[in-house]
């Protein structure tokens, strides 16, 4: 039975994969779902695409040559009268749009205008959740790719060459892992301007060590097998043996740990944003929304909606990781094949 078929047999992980793909696809199209600009406008016989290029206000009957505020009641009246029309996204607020026309004080509770209410600055919570979810997924993917790549390289070198190189590398890992990661993040956050790239570099500098141990063990075990000796007898060099023969047979722990590594990356970003050490101010993030919920305990909709999104994301990744682990488990594969035969 193939690994993909074994993954599909785990219905919880397979369904979680499809739900995760749908949620990611929706968040990657966030500009077409939550935006304060129309998708298309027909005004005075001409077609405009404000979501791509925002025209000046005077184009739509306004008084100023500034970018058009399509939430202005006068502008909306102009582009929806005299055979003019506009198609708006389902959510007519972007992550940074302030609802100046709300009748309730901020943070405002859920309403037909703001489905999940607004935060303490009058920004739509649902749109910030959509954009914040996308940021978390992209950050988790980037940090996972960087950390896994570094972990594979270092673990492969230690496991294949062994000896003094492995001994020195192990001592370096012990020293490096003892460094206070949170203190370093606080120090760098006070020196440099906060950014996504800085966070990825700092977290990836510590996130590769856990995976390198598994890769090292796989390379150390596989390097003594017969097919490696045969490849060496055929004249292949060390790099070719590692890339062509040992690495494909050592990727099982790497693949099975990917969803869990991504979960850890999302949790790290959320925690740092909650503490004010993450992304720049104004950037939509789940941690920033949780911080707002902590500061506005009476605005229950902020904390509750963010908690549901975060828990759902982590659960989906956990279920996918468990399904991957079962799919790559050779012992379970042997039991399934034996039972079927």
C-alpha atoms as a PDB file:
ATOM      1  CA  UNK A   1       0.000   0.000   0.000  1.00  0.00           C
ATOM      2  CA  UNK A   2       1.449   3.377  -1.015  1.00  0.00           C
ATOM      3  CA  UNK A   3       2.170   6.088   1.517  1.00  0.00           C
ATOM      4  CA  UNK A   4      -0.409   8.413  -0.052  1.00  0.00           C
ATOM      5  CA  UNK A   5      -3.056   5.703   0.249  1.00  0.00           C
ATOM      6  CA  UNK A   6      -2.141   5.140   3.895  1.00  0.00           C
ATOM      7  CA  UNK A   7      -2.417   8.891   4.440  1.00  0.00           C
ATOM      8  CA  UNK A   8      -5.885   8.898   2.852  1.00  0.00           C
ATOM      9  CA  UNK A   9      -6.924   6.012   5.094  1.00  0.00           C
ATOM     10  CA  UNK A  10      -6.429   8.336   8.047  1.00  0.00           C
ATOM     11  CA  UNK A  11      -9.682  10.203   7.471  1.00  0.00           C
ATOM     12  CA  UNK A  12      -9.025  12.745  10.183  1.00  0.00           C
ATOM     13  CA  UNK A  13      -5.700  13.760   8.661  1.00  0.00           C
ATOM     14  CA  UNK A  14      -7.015  13.626   5.091  1.00  0.00           C
ATOM     15  CA  UNK A  15     -10.032  15.824   5.890  1.00  0.00           C
ATOM     16  CA  UNK A  16      -7.783  18.178   7.858  1.00  0.00           C
ATOM     17  CA  UNK A  17      -5.539  18.507   4.807  1.00  0.00           C
ATOM     18  CA  UNK A  18      -8.431  19.585   2.595  1.00  0.00           C
ATOM     19  CA  UNK A  19      -9.785  22.021   5.184  1.00  0.00           C
ATOM     20  CA  UNK A  20      -6.306  23.488   5.600  1.00  0.00           C
ATOM     21  CA  UNK A  21      -5.866  23.845   1.836  1.00  0.00           C
ATOM     22  CA  UNK A  22      -9.241  25.612   1.508  1.00  0.00           C
ATOM     23  CA  UNK A  23      -8.447  27.993   4.362  1.00  0.00           C
ATOM     24  CA  UNK A  24      -5.012  28.767   2.928  1.00  0.00           C
ATOM     25  CA  UNK A  25      -6.461  29.335  -0.541  1.00  0.00           C
ATOM     26  CA  UNK A  26      -9.053  31.732   0.861  1.00  0.00           C
ATOM     27  CA  UNK A  27      -6.444  33.654   2.862  1.00  0.00           C
ATOM     28  CA  UNK A  28      -4.113  33.929  -0.130  1.00  0.00           C
ATOM     29  CA  UNK A  29      -7.001  35.615  -1.975  1.00  0.00           C
ATOM     30  CA  UNK A  30      -7.664  37.942   0.964  1.00  0.00           C
ATOM     31  CA  UNK A  31      -7.582  41.078  -1.192  1.00  0.00           C
ATOM     32  CA  UNK A  32     -10.577  39.749  -3.129  1.00  0.00           C
ATOM     33  CA  UNK A  33     -12.463  38.728   0.031  1.00  0.00           C
ATOM     34  CA  UNK A  34     -11.808  41.568   2.490  1.00  0.00           C
ATOM     35  CA  UNK A  35     -11.032  44.941   0.940  1.00  0.00           C
ATOM     36  CA  UNK A  36     -12.328  48.495   1.203  1.00  0.00           C
ATOM     37  CA  UNK A  37     -12.010  48.934  -2.567  1.00  0.00           C
ATOM     38  CA  UNK A  38     -14.467  47.517  -5.125  1.00  0.00           C
ATOM     39  CA  UNK A  39     -13.349  44.721  -7.412  1.00  0.00           C
ATOM     40  CA  UNK A  40     -14.716  46.552 -10.463  1.00  0.00           C
ATOM     41  CA  UNK A  41     -16.513  49.867 -11.005  1.00  0.00           C
ATOM     42  CA  UNK A  42     -18.493  51.045 -14.025  1.00  0.00           C
ATOM     43  CA  UNK A  43     -18.775  54.830 -13.907  1.00  0.00           C
ATOM     44  CA  UNK A  44     -19.915  57.112 -16.721  1.00  0.00           C
ATOM     45  CA  UNK A  45     -19.390  54.376 -19.315  1.00  0.00           C
ATOM     46  CA  UNK A  46     -15.829  53.525 -18.183  1.00  0.00           C
ATOM     47  CA  UNK A  47     -14.588  50.506 -16.260  1.00  0.00           C
ATOM     48  CA  UNK A  48     -12.177  50.838 -13.351  1.00  0.00           C
ATOM     49  CA  UNK A  49     -10.426  48.259 -11.191  1.00  0.00           C
ATOM     50  CA  UNK A  50      -9.704  50.021  -7.883  1.00  0.00           C
ATOM     51  CA  UNK A  51      -8.379  46.830  -6.300  1.00  0.00           C
ATOM     52  CA  UNK A  52      -5.461  47.066  -8.754  1.00  0.00           C
ATOM     53  CA  UNK A  53      -5.165  50.840  -9.152  1.00  0.00           C
ATOM     54  CA  UNK A  54      -7.073  53.315  -6.989  1.00  0.00           C
ATOM     55  CA  UNK A  55      -8.170  56.324  -8.995  1.00  0.00           C
ATOM     56  CA  UNK A  56      -8.428  59.852  -7.601  1.00  0.00           C
ATOM     57  CA  UNK A  57     -11.650  60.907  -5.938  1.00  0.00           C
ATOM     58  CA  UNK A  58     -12.494  63.467  -8.643  1.00  0.00           C
ATOM     59  CA  UNK A  59     -12.852  60.630 -11.158  1.00  0.00           C
ATOM     60  CA  UNK A  60     -15.950  59.444  -9.290  1.00  0.00           C
ATOM     61  CA  UNK A  61     -17.468  62.875  -8.687  1.00  0.00           C
ATOM     62  CA  UNK A  62     -15.495  63.780  -5.567  1.00  0.00           C
ATOM     63  CA  UNK A  63     -13.903  67.101  -4.671  1.00  0.00           C
ATOM     64  CA  UNK A  64     -10.237  66.166  -4.164  1.00  0.00           C
ATOM     65  CA  UNK A  65      -7.418  64.615  -6.168  1.00  0.00           C
ATOM     66  CA  UNK A  66      -6.630  62.195  -3.330  1.00  0.00           C
ATOM     67  CA  UNK A  67      -7.120  58.394  -3.452  1.00  0.00           C
ATOM     68  CA  UNK A  68     -10.782  57.475  -3.314  1.00  0.00           C
ATOM     69  CA  UNK A  69     -12.375  56.415  -0.061  1.00  0.00           C
ATOM     70  CA  UNK A  70     -15.037  54.005  -1.287  1.00  0.00           C
ATOM     71  CA  UNK A  71     -16.613  53.847   2.158  1.00  0.00           C
ATOM     72  CA  UNK A  72     -17.602  57.513   1.859  1.00  0.00           C
ATOM     73  CA  UNK A  73     -21.406  57.621   1.493  1.00  0.00           C
ATOM     74  CA  UNK A  74     -21.184  60.337  -1.203  1.00  0.00           C
ATOM     75  CA  UNK A  75     -18.771  58.282  -3.311  1.00  0.00           C
ATOM     76  CA  UNK A  76     -20.929  55.183  -2.921  1.00  0.00           C
ATOM     77  CA  UNK A  77     -23.970  57.172  -3.988  1.00  0.00           C
ATOM     78  CA  UNK A  78     -22.160  58.419  -7.094  1.00  0.00           C
ATOM     79  CA  UNK A  79     -20.960  55.002  -8.270  1.00  0.00           C
ATOM     80  CA  UNK A  80     -24.332  53.317  -7.730  1.00  0.00           C
ATOM     81  CA  UNK A  81     -26.599  55.841  -9.457  1.00  0.00           C
ATOM     82  CA  UNK A  82     -27.406  56.781 -13.074  1.00  0.00           C
ATOM     83  CA  UNK A  83     -26.615  53.308 -14.445  1.00  0.00           C
ATOM     84  CA  UNK A  84     -23.298  53.234 -12.610  1.00  0.00           C
ATOM     85  CA  UNK A  85     -22.488  50.173 -10.551  1.00  0.00           C
ATOM     86  CA  UNK A  86     -19.741  48.556  -8.498  1.00  0.00           C
ATOM     87  CA  UNK A  87     -18.958  45.045  -7.300  1.00  0.00           C
ATOM     88  CA  UNK A  88     -17.585  44.946  -3.755  1.00  0.00           C
ATOM     89  CA  UNK A  89     -15.813  42.071  -1.967  1.00  0.00           C
ATOM     90  CA  UNK A  90     -17.903  40.104   0.547  1.00  0.00           C
ATOM     91  CA  UNK A  91     -16.196  42.025   3.376  1.00  0.00           C
ATOM     92  CA  UNK A  92     -15.910  45.726   2.574  1.00  0.00           C
ATOM     93  CA  UNK A  93     -13.071  46.359   5.016  1.00  0.00           C
ATOM     94  CA  UNK A  94      -9.354  45.721   4.718  1.00  0.00           C
ATOM     95  CA  UNK A  95      -7.133  44.896   7.687  1.00  0.00           C
ATOM     96  CA  UNK A  96      -6.170  48.565   8.147  1.00  0.00           C
ATOM     97  CA  UNK A  97      -9.503  50.207   7.316  1.00  0.00           C
ATOM     98  CA  UNK A  98     -11.012  52.334  10.072  1.00  0.00           C
ATOM     99  CA  UNK A  99     -14.789  52.336  10.318  1.00  0.00           C
ATOM    100  CA  UNK A 100     -15.360  56.072  10.732  1.00  0.00           C
ATOM    101  CA  UNK A 101     -19.100  55.719  10.236  1.00  0.00           C
ATOM    102  CA  UNK A 102     -19.756  53.239  13.052  1.00  0.00           C
ATOM    103  CA  UNK A 103     -22.425  54.349  15.513  1.00  0.00           C
ATOM    104  CA  UNK A 104     -21.039  52.214  18.357  1.00  0.00           C
ATOM    105  CA  UNK A 105     -17.880  53.079  20.336  1.00  0.00           C
ATOM    106  CA  UNK A 106     -14.760  51.071  19.642  1.00  0.00           C
ATOM    107  CA  UNK A 107     -14.286  48.203  20.117  1.00  0.00           C
ATOM    108  CA  UNK A 108     -17.732  47.694  18.612  1.00  0.00           C
ATOM    109  CA  UNK A 109     -19.583  44.356  19.002  1.00  0.00           C
ATOM    110  CA  UNK A 110     -20.464  42.129  16.037  1.00  0.00           C
ATOM    111  CA  UNK A 111     -23.032  43.571  13.661  1.00  0.00           C
ATOM    112  CA  UNK A 112     -24.236  43.237  10.071  1.00  0.00           C
ATOM    113  CA  UNK A 113     -21.614  45.813   9.101  1.00  0.00           C
ATOM    114  CA  UNK A 114     -18.714  44.218  10.996  1.00  0.00           C
ATOM    115  CA  UNK A 115     -19.466  40.508  11.303  1.00  0.00           C
ATOM    116  CA  UNK A 116     -16.989  39.906  14.138  1.00  0.00           C
ATOM    117  CA  UNK A 117     -16.966  43.444  15.483  1.00  0.00           C
ATOM    118  CA  UNK A 118     -14.095  45.923  15.509  1.00  0.00           C
ATOM    119  CA  UNK A 119     -10.956  46.268  17.586  1.00  0.00           C
ATOM    120  CA  UNK A 120     -10.039  49.187  19.819  1.00  0.00           C
ATOM    121  CA  UNK A 121      -9.105  51.311  16.789  1.00  0.00           C
ATOM    122  CA  UNK A 122     -12.211  50.602  14.754  1.00  0.00           C
ATOM    123  CA  UNK A 123     -10.666  48.045  12.391  1.00  0.00           C
ATOM    124  CA  UNK A 124     -12.699  45.057  11.253  1.00  0.00           C
ATOM    125  CA  UNK A 125     -11.745  41.959  13.280  1.00  0.00           C
ATOM    126  CA  UNK A 126     -12.739  39.434  10.604  1.00  0.00           C
ATOM    127  CA  UNK A 127     -10.557  41.041   7.931  1.00  0.00           C
ATOM    128  CA  UNK A 128      -7.617  41.209  10.339  1.00  0.00           C
ATOM    129  CA  UNK A 129      -8.132  37.518  11.144  1.00  0.00           C
ATOM    130  CA  UNK A 130      -8.020  36.608   7.445  1.00  0.00           C
ATOM    131  CA  UNK A 131      -4.859  38.616   6.799  1.00  0.00           C
ATOM    132  CA  UNK A 132      -3.327  37.521  10.104  1.00  0.00           C
ATOM    133  CA  UNK A 133      -3.967  33.864   9.290  1.00  0.00           C
ATOM    134  CA  UNK A 134      -2.199  34.311   5.949  1.00  0.00           C
ATOM    135  CA  UNK A 135       0.763  35.969   7.643  1.00  0.00           C
ATOM    136  CA  UNK A 136       1.015  33.125  10.167  1.00  0.00           C
ATOM    137  CA  UNK A 137       0.905  30.449   7.449  1.00  0.00           C
ATOM    138  CA  UNK A 138       3.515  32.169   5.282  1.00  0.00           C
ATOM    139  CA  UNK A 139       5.747  32.796   8.283  1.00  0.00           C
ATOM    140  CA  UNK A 140       5.393  29.189   9.401  1.00  0.00           C
ATOM    141  CA  UNK A 141       6.248  27.910   5.925  1.00  0.00           C
ATOM    142  CA  UNK A 142       9.287  30.183   5.593  1.00  0.00           C
ATOM    143  CA  UNK A 143      10.637  29.341   9.035  1.00  0.00           C
ATOM    144  CA  UNK A 144      10.014  25.620   8.493  1.00  0.00           C
ATOM    145  CA  UNK A 145      11.808  25.623   5.134  1.00  0.00           C
ATOM    146  CA  UNK A 146      14.829  27.508   6.485  1.00  0.00           C
ATOM    147  CA  UNK A 147      15.059  25.507   9.702  1.00  0.00           C
ATOM    148  CA  UNK A 148      14.568  22.151   7.997  1.00  0.00           C
ATOM    149  CA  UNK A 149      17.158  22.959   5.329  1.00  0.00           C
ATOM    150  CA  UNK A 150      19.784  23.905   7.904  1.00  0.00           C
ATOM    151  CA  UNK A 151      18.890  20.907  10.066  1.00  0.00           C
ATOM    152  CA  UNK A 152      19.195  18.477   7.145  1.00  0.00           C
ATOM    153  CA  UNK A 153      22.592  19.818   6.081  1.00  0.00           C
ATOM    154  CA  UNK A 154      24.118  19.843   9.555  1.00  0.00           C
ATOM    155  CA  UNK A 155      22.612  16.491  10.545  1.00  0.00           C
ATOM    156  CA  UNK A 156      23.742  14.881   7.299  1.00  0.00           C
ATOM    157  CA  UNK A 157      27.316  16.092   7.694  1.00  0.00           C
ATOM    158  CA  UNK A 158      27.520  14.979  11.322  1.00  0.00           C
ATOM    159  CA  UNK A 159      25.989  11.574  10.674  1.00  0.00           C
ATOM    160  CA  UNK A 160      27.962  10.800   7.520  1.00  0.00           C
ATOM    161  CA  UNK A 161      31.453  11.921   8.530  1.00  0.00           C
ATOM    162  CA  UNK A 162      31.225  11.278  12.287  1.00  0.00           C
ATOM    163  CA  UNK A 163      34.486  11.289  14.220  1.00  0.00           C
ATOM    164  CA  UNK A 164      35.946  14.600  15.345  1.00  0.00           C
ATOM    165  CA  UNK A 165      33.605  16.592  13.114  1.00  0.00           C
ATOM    166  CA  UNK A 166      30.591  15.040  14.804  1.00  0.00           C
ATOM    167  CA  UNK A 167      32.116  15.490  18.264  1.00  0.00           C
ATOM    168  CA  UNK A 168      32.893  19.188  17.709  1.00  0.00           C
ATOM    169  CA  UNK A 169      29.477  19.801  16.157  1.00  0.00           C
ATOM    170  CA  UNK A 170      27.724  18.169  19.097  1.00  0.00           C
ATOM    171  CA  UNK A 171      29.586  20.379  21.562  1.00  0.00           C
ATOM    172  CA  UNK A 172      28.698  23.452  19.503  1.00  0.00           C
ATOM    173  CA  UNK A 173      25.023  22.462  19.506  1.00  0.00           C
ATOM    174  CA  UNK A 174      25.096  22.020  23.289  1.00  0.00           C
ATOM    175  CA  UNK A 175      26.582  25.493  23.748  1.00  0.00           C
ATOM    176  CA  UNK A 176      24.305  27.133  21.188  1.00  0.00           C
ATOM    177  CA  UNK A 177      21.158  25.527  22.592  1.00  0.00           C
ATOM    178  CA  UNK A 178      22.020  26.924  26.041  1.00  0.00           C
ATOM    179  CA  UNK A 179      21.813  30.491  24.719  1.00  0.00           C
ATOM    180  CA  UNK A 180      18.777  32.423  26.098  1.00  0.00           C
ATOM    181  CA  UNK A 181      16.680  32.712  22.957  1.00  0.00           C
ATOM    182  CA  UNK A 182      14.062  35.069  24.406  1.00  0.00           C
ATOM    183  CA  UNK A 183      16.682  37.452  25.777  1.00  0.00           C
ATOM    184  CA  UNK A 184      18.393  37.563  22.392  1.00  0.00           C
ATOM    185  CA  UNK A 185      15.064  38.361  20.728  1.00  0.00           C
ATOM    186  CA  UNK A 186      14.470  41.199  23.196  1.00  0.00           C
ATOM    187  CA  UNK A 187      17.967  42.584  22.596  1.00  0.00           C
ATOM    188  CA  UNK A 188      17.686  42.443  18.795  1.00  0.00           C
ATOM    189  CA  UNK A 189      14.169  43.899  18.906  1.00  0.00           C
ATOM    190  CA  UNK A 190      15.525  46.918  20.778  1.00  0.00           C
ATOM    191  CA  UNK A 191      18.418  47.382  18.333  1.00  0.00           C
ATOM    192  CA  UNK A 192      16.792  46.711  14.947  1.00  0.00           C
ATOM    193  CA  UNK A 193      13.426  47.647  13.534  1.00  0.00           C
ATOM    194  CA  UNK A 194      11.026  44.699  13.869  1.00  0.00           C
ATOM    195  CA  UNK A 195      10.467  42.799  10.626  1.00  0.00           C
ATOM    196  CA  UNK A 196       9.433  39.378   9.391  1.00  0.00           C
ATOM    197  CA  UNK A 197      12.873  38.647   7.912  1.00  0.00           C
ATOM    198  CA  UNK A 198      14.605  39.432  11.225  1.00  0.00           C
ATOM    199  CA  UNK A 199      12.264  37.087  13.083  1.00  0.00           C
ATOM    200  CA  UNK A 200      12.859  34.285  10.584  1.00  0.00           C
ATOM    201  CA  UNK A 201      16.632  34.648  10.887  1.00  0.00           C
ATOM    202  CA  UNK A 202      16.618  34.714  14.689  1.00  0.00           C
ATOM    203  CA  UNK A 203      14.164  31.836  15.142  1.00  0.00           C
ATOM    204  CA  UNK A 204      15.788  29.732  12.413  1.00  0.00           C
ATOM    205  CA  UNK A 205      19.134  30.141  14.168  1.00  0.00           C
ATOM    206  CA  UNK A 206      17.733  28.017  17.016  1.00  0.00           C
ATOM    207  CA  UNK A 207      15.043  25.950  15.298  1.00  0.00           C
ATOM    208  CA  UNK A 208      17.306  23.647  13.288  1.00  0.00           C
ATOM    209  CA  UNK A 209      18.908  21.784  16.192  1.00  0.00           C
ATOM    210  CA  UNK A 210      16.011  19.502  17.072  1.00  0.00           C
ATOM    211  CA  UNK A 211      15.667  18.141  13.551  1.00  0.00           C
ATOM    212  CA  UNK A 212      19.408  17.752  12.990  1.00  0.00           C
ATOM    213  CA  UNK A 213      19.554  15.048  15.677  1.00  0.00           C
ATOM    214  CA  UNK A 214      17.055  12.864  13.782  1.00  0.00           C
ATOM    215  CA  UNK A 215      18.801  13.370  10.445  1.00  0.00           C
ATOM    216  CA  UNK A 216      22.178  12.640  12.062  1.00  0.00           C
ATOM    217  CA  UNK A 217      20.871   9.356  13.458  1.00  0.00           C
ATOM    218  CA  UNK A 218      19.443   8.307  10.080  1.00  0.00           C
ATOM    219  CA  UNK A 219      22.673   9.112   8.228  1.00  0.00           C
ATOM    220  CA  UNK A 220      24.756   7.386  10.876  1.00  0.00           C
ATOM    221  CA  UNK A 221      22.642   4.239  10.504  1.00  0.00           C
ATOM    222  CA  UNK A 222      22.422   4.235   6.715  1.00  0.00           C
ATOM    223  CA  UNK A 223      26.083   4.958   5.982  1.00  0.00           C
ATOM    224  CA  UNK A 224      27.057   1.449   7.145  1.00  0.00           C
ATOM    225  CA  UNK A 225      24.563  -0.386   4.914  1.00  0.00           C
ATOM    226  CA  UNK A 226      25.510  -2.447   1.890  1.00  0.00           C
ATOM    227  CA  UNK A 227      24.114  -0.111  -0.783  1.00  0.00           C
ATOM    228  CA  UNK A 228      26.379   2.704   0.459  1.00  0.00           C
ATOM    229  CA  UNK A 229      29.422   0.435   0.221  1.00  0.00           C
ATOM    230  CA  UNK A 230      28.350  -0.587  -3.270  1.00  0.00           C
ATOM    231  CA  UNK A 231      27.981   3.044  -4.335  1.00  0.00           C
ATOM    232  CA  UNK A 232      31.415   3.840  -2.959  1.00  0.00           C
ATOM    233  CA  UNK A 233      32.883   0.852  -4.813  1.00  0.00           C
ATOM    234  CA  UNK A 234      31.385   2.219  -8.054  1.00  0.00           C
ATOM    235  CA  UNK A 235      33.438   5.379  -7.615  1.00  0.00           C
ATOM    236  CA  UNK A 236      30.806   7.813  -6.346  1.00  0.00           C
ATOM    237  CA  UNK A 237      32.119  10.599  -4.139  1.00  0.00           C
ATOM    238  CA  UNK A 238      30.754  11.489  -0.699  1.00  0.00           C
ATOM    239  CA  UNK A 239      28.422  14.207  -1.965  1.00  0.00           C
ATOM    240  CA  UNK A 240      26.878  11.905  -4.574  1.00  0.00           C
ATOM    241  CA  UNK A 241      26.388   9.128  -2.032  1.00  0.00           C
ATOM    242  CA  UNK A 242      24.744  11.488   0.420  1.00  0.00           C
ATOM    243  CA  UNK A 243      22.457  13.129  -2.144  1.00  0.00           C
ATOM    244  CA  UNK A 244      21.479  10.118  -4.277  1.00  0.00           C
ATOM    245  CA  UNK A 245      21.365   7.268  -1.801  1.00  0.00           C
ATOM    246  CA  UNK A 246      21.363   8.196   1.886  1.00  0.00           C
ATOM    247  CA  UNK A 247      19.240  11.365   1.837  1.00  0.00           C
ATOM    248  CA  UNK A 248      16.160   9.824   0.115  1.00  0.00           C
ATOM    249  CA  UNK A 249      16.217   7.030   2.704  1.00  0.00           C
ATOM    250  CA  UNK A 250      16.582   9.456   5.616  1.00  0.00           C
ATOM    251  CA  UNK A 251      13.731  11.853   4.925  1.00  0.00           C
ATOM    252  CA  UNK A 252      11.057   9.992   6.893  1.00  0.00           C
ATOM    253  CA  UNK A 253      11.595  11.891  10.178  1.00  0.00           C
ATOM    254  CA  UNK A 254      11.914  15.152   8.250  1.00  0.00           C
ATOM    255  CA  UNK A 255       8.595  14.778   6.439  1.00  0.00           C
ATOM    256  CA  UNK A 256       6.678  13.520   9.460  1.00  0.00           C
ATOM    257  CA  UNK A 257       7.895  16.428  11.580  1.00  0.00           C
ATOM    258  CA  UNK A 258       7.015  19.172   9.052  1.00  0.00           C
ATOM    259  CA  UNK A 259       3.470  19.928  10.329  1.00  0.00           C
ATOM    260  CA  UNK A 260       4.678  19.960  13.934  1.00  0.00           C
ATOM    261  CA  UNK A 261       7.539  22.298  13.025  1.00  0.00           C
ATOM    262  CA  UNK A 262       5.073  24.589  11.305  1.00  0.00           C
ATOM    263  CA  UNK A 263       2.804  24.552  14.371  1.00  0.00           C
ATOM    264  CA  UNK A 264       5.741  25.546  16.552  1.00  0.00           C
ATOM    265  CA  UNK A 265       6.617  28.386  14.160  1.00  0.00           C
ATOM    266  CA  UNK A 266       3.053  29.753  14.229  1.00  0.00           C
ATOM    267  CA  UNK A 267       2.987  29.561  18.021  1.00  0.00           C
ATOM    268  CA  UNK A 268       6.336  31.366  18.214  1.00  0.00           C
ATOM    269  CA  UNK A 269       5.103  34.211  16.001  1.00  0.00           C
ATOM    270  CA  UNK A 270       1.858  34.496  17.969  1.00  0.00           C
ATOM    271  CA  UNK A 271       3.693  34.568  21.296  1.00  0.00           C
ATOM    272  CA  UNK A 272       6.175  37.200  20.138  1.00  0.00           C
ATOM    273  CA  UNK A 273       3.405  39.382  18.697  1.00  0.00           C
ATOM    274  CA  UNK A 274       1.474  39.045  21.946  1.00  0.00           C
ATOM    275  CA  UNK A 275       4.560  40.314  23.831  1.00  0.00           C
ATOM    276  CA  UNK A 276       5.137  43.122  21.327  1.00  0.00           C
ATOM    277  CA  UNK A 277       8.395  41.626  19.995  1.00  0.00           C
ATOM    278  CA  UNK A 278       7.120  40.358  16.656  1.00  0.00           C
ATOM    279  CA  UNK A 279       5.959  42.058  13.490  1.00  0.00           C
ATOM    280  CA  UNK A 280       5.910  45.863  13.048  1.00  0.00           C
ATOM    281  CA  UNK A 281       2.980  47.763  14.590  1.00  0.00           C
ATOM    282  CA  UNK A 282      -0.130  47.796  12.413  1.00  0.00           C
ATOM    283  CA  UNK A 283       0.624  44.450  10.787  1.00  0.00           C
ATOM    284  CA  UNK A 284      -2.337  42.071  11.110  1.00  0.00           C
ATOM    285  CA  UNK A 285      -1.389  39.130  13.294  1.00  0.00           C
ATOM    286  CA  UNK A 286      -3.085  36.690  15.630  1.00  0.00           C
ATOM    287  CA  UNK A 287      -0.811  37.610  18.520  1.00  0.00           C
ATOM    288  CA  UNK A 288      -1.656  41.301  18.200  1.00  0.00           C
ATOM    289  CA  UNK A 289      -5.377  40.476  18.300  1.00  0.00           C
ATOM    290  CA  UNK A 290      -4.876  38.348  21.413  1.00  0.00           C
ATOM    291  CA  UNK A 291      -3.046  41.259  23.002  1.00  0.00           C
ATOM    292  CA  UNK A 292      -5.982  43.522  22.177  1.00  0.00           C
ATOM    293  CA  UNK A 293      -8.357  40.982  23.669  1.00  0.00           C
ATOM    294  CA  UNK A 294      -6.289  40.962  26.860  1.00  0.00           C
ATOM    295  CA  UNK A 295      -6.444  44.743  27.014  1.00  0.00           C
ATOM    296  CA  UNK A 296     -10.194  44.821  26.320  1.00  0.00           C
ATOM    297  CA  UNK A 297     -11.686  41.984  28.339  1.00  0.00           C
ATOM    298  CA  UNK A 298     -15.218  43.277  27.785  1.00  0.00           C
ATOM    299  CA  UNK A 299     -14.731  42.910  23.994  1.00  0.00           C
ATOM    300  CA  UNK A 300     -15.098  39.134  24.127  1.00  0.00           C
ATOM    301  CA  UNK A 301     -15.419  38.833  20.325  1.00  0.00           C
ATOM    302  CA  UNK A 302     -11.753  39.730  19.805  1.00  0.00           C
ATOM    303  CA  UNK A 303     -10.284  37.031  22.055  1.00  0.00           C
ATOM    304  CA  UNK A 304     -12.861  34.368  21.190  1.00  0.00           C
ATOM    305  CA  UNK A 305     -12.573  34.651  17.397  1.00  0.00           C
ATOM    306  CA  UNK A 306      -8.769  34.759  17.509  1.00  0.00           C
ATOM    307  CA  UNK A 307      -8.649  31.784  19.881  1.00  0.00           C
ATOM    308  CA  UNK A 308     -10.900  29.751  17.560  1.00  0.00           C
ATOM    309  CA  UNK A 309      -8.735  30.523  14.510  1.00  0.00           C
ATOM    310  CA  UNK A 310      -5.489  29.700  16.328  1.00  0.00           C
ATOM    311  CA  UNK A 311      -6.751  26.467  17.868  1.00  0.00           C
ATOM    312  CA  UNK A 312      -8.311  25.315  14.594  1.00  0.00           C
ATOM    313  CA  UNK A 313      -5.045  25.943  12.728  1.00  0.00           C
ATOM    314  CA  UNK A 314      -2.958  24.038  15.254  1.00  0.00           C
ATOM    315  CA  UNK A 315      -5.430  21.145  15.377  1.00  0.00           C
ATOM    316  CA  UNK A 316      -5.435  20.789  11.595  1.00  0.00           C
ATOM    317  CA  UNK A 317      -1.636  20.748  11.498  1.00  0.00           C
ATOM    318  CA  UNK A 318      -1.499  18.228  14.356  1.00  0.00           C
ATOM    319  CA  UNK A 319      -3.955  15.864  12.657  1.00  0.00           C
ATOM    320  CA  UNK A 320      -2.011  16.145   9.394  1.00  0.00           C
ATOM    321  CA  UNK A 321       1.232  15.392  11.240  1.00  0.00           C
ATOM    322  CA  UNK A 322      -0.243  12.299  12.868  1.00  0.00           C
ATOM    323  CA  UNK A 323      -1.498  11.057   9.481  1.00  0.00           C
ATOM    324  CA  UNK A 324       1.928  11.633   7.928  1.00  0.00           C
ATOM    325  CA  UNK A 325       3.609   9.774  10.763  1.00  0.00           C
ATOM    326  CA  UNK A 326       1.315   6.775  10.269  1.00  0.00           C
ATOM    327  CA  UNK A 327       1.784   6.893   6.484  1.00  0.00           C
ATOM    328  CA  UNK A 328       5.577   6.718   6.781  1.00  0.00           C
ATOM    329  CA  UNK A 329       5.596   4.165   9.587  1.00  0.00           C
ATOM    330  CA  UNK A 330       6.959   0.999   7.979  1.00  0.00           C
ATOM    331  CA  UNK A 331       5.693  -1.179  10.819  1.00  0.00           C
ATOM    332  CA  UNK A 332       2.097  -0.130  10.225  1.00  0.00           C
ATOM    333  CA  UNK A 333       2.599  -0.526   6.501  1.00  0.00           C
ATOM    334  CA  UNK A 334       3.699  -4.106   7.050  1.00  0.00           C
ATOM    335  CA  UNK A 335       0.685  -4.821   9.242  1.00  0.00           C
ATOM    336  CA  UNK A 336      -1.695  -3.390   6.606  1.00  0.00           C
ATOM    337  CA  UNK A 337      -0.101  -5.313   3.787  1.00  0.00           C
ATOM    338  CA  UNK A 338      -0.065  -8.500   5.798  1.00  0.00           C
ATOM    339  CA  UNK A 339      -3.679  -8.098   6.786  1.00  0.00           C
ATOM    340  CA  UNK A 340      -4.721  -7.470   3.200  1.00  0.00           C
ATOM    341  CA  UNK A 341      -2.883 -10.462   1.892  1.00  0.00           C
END
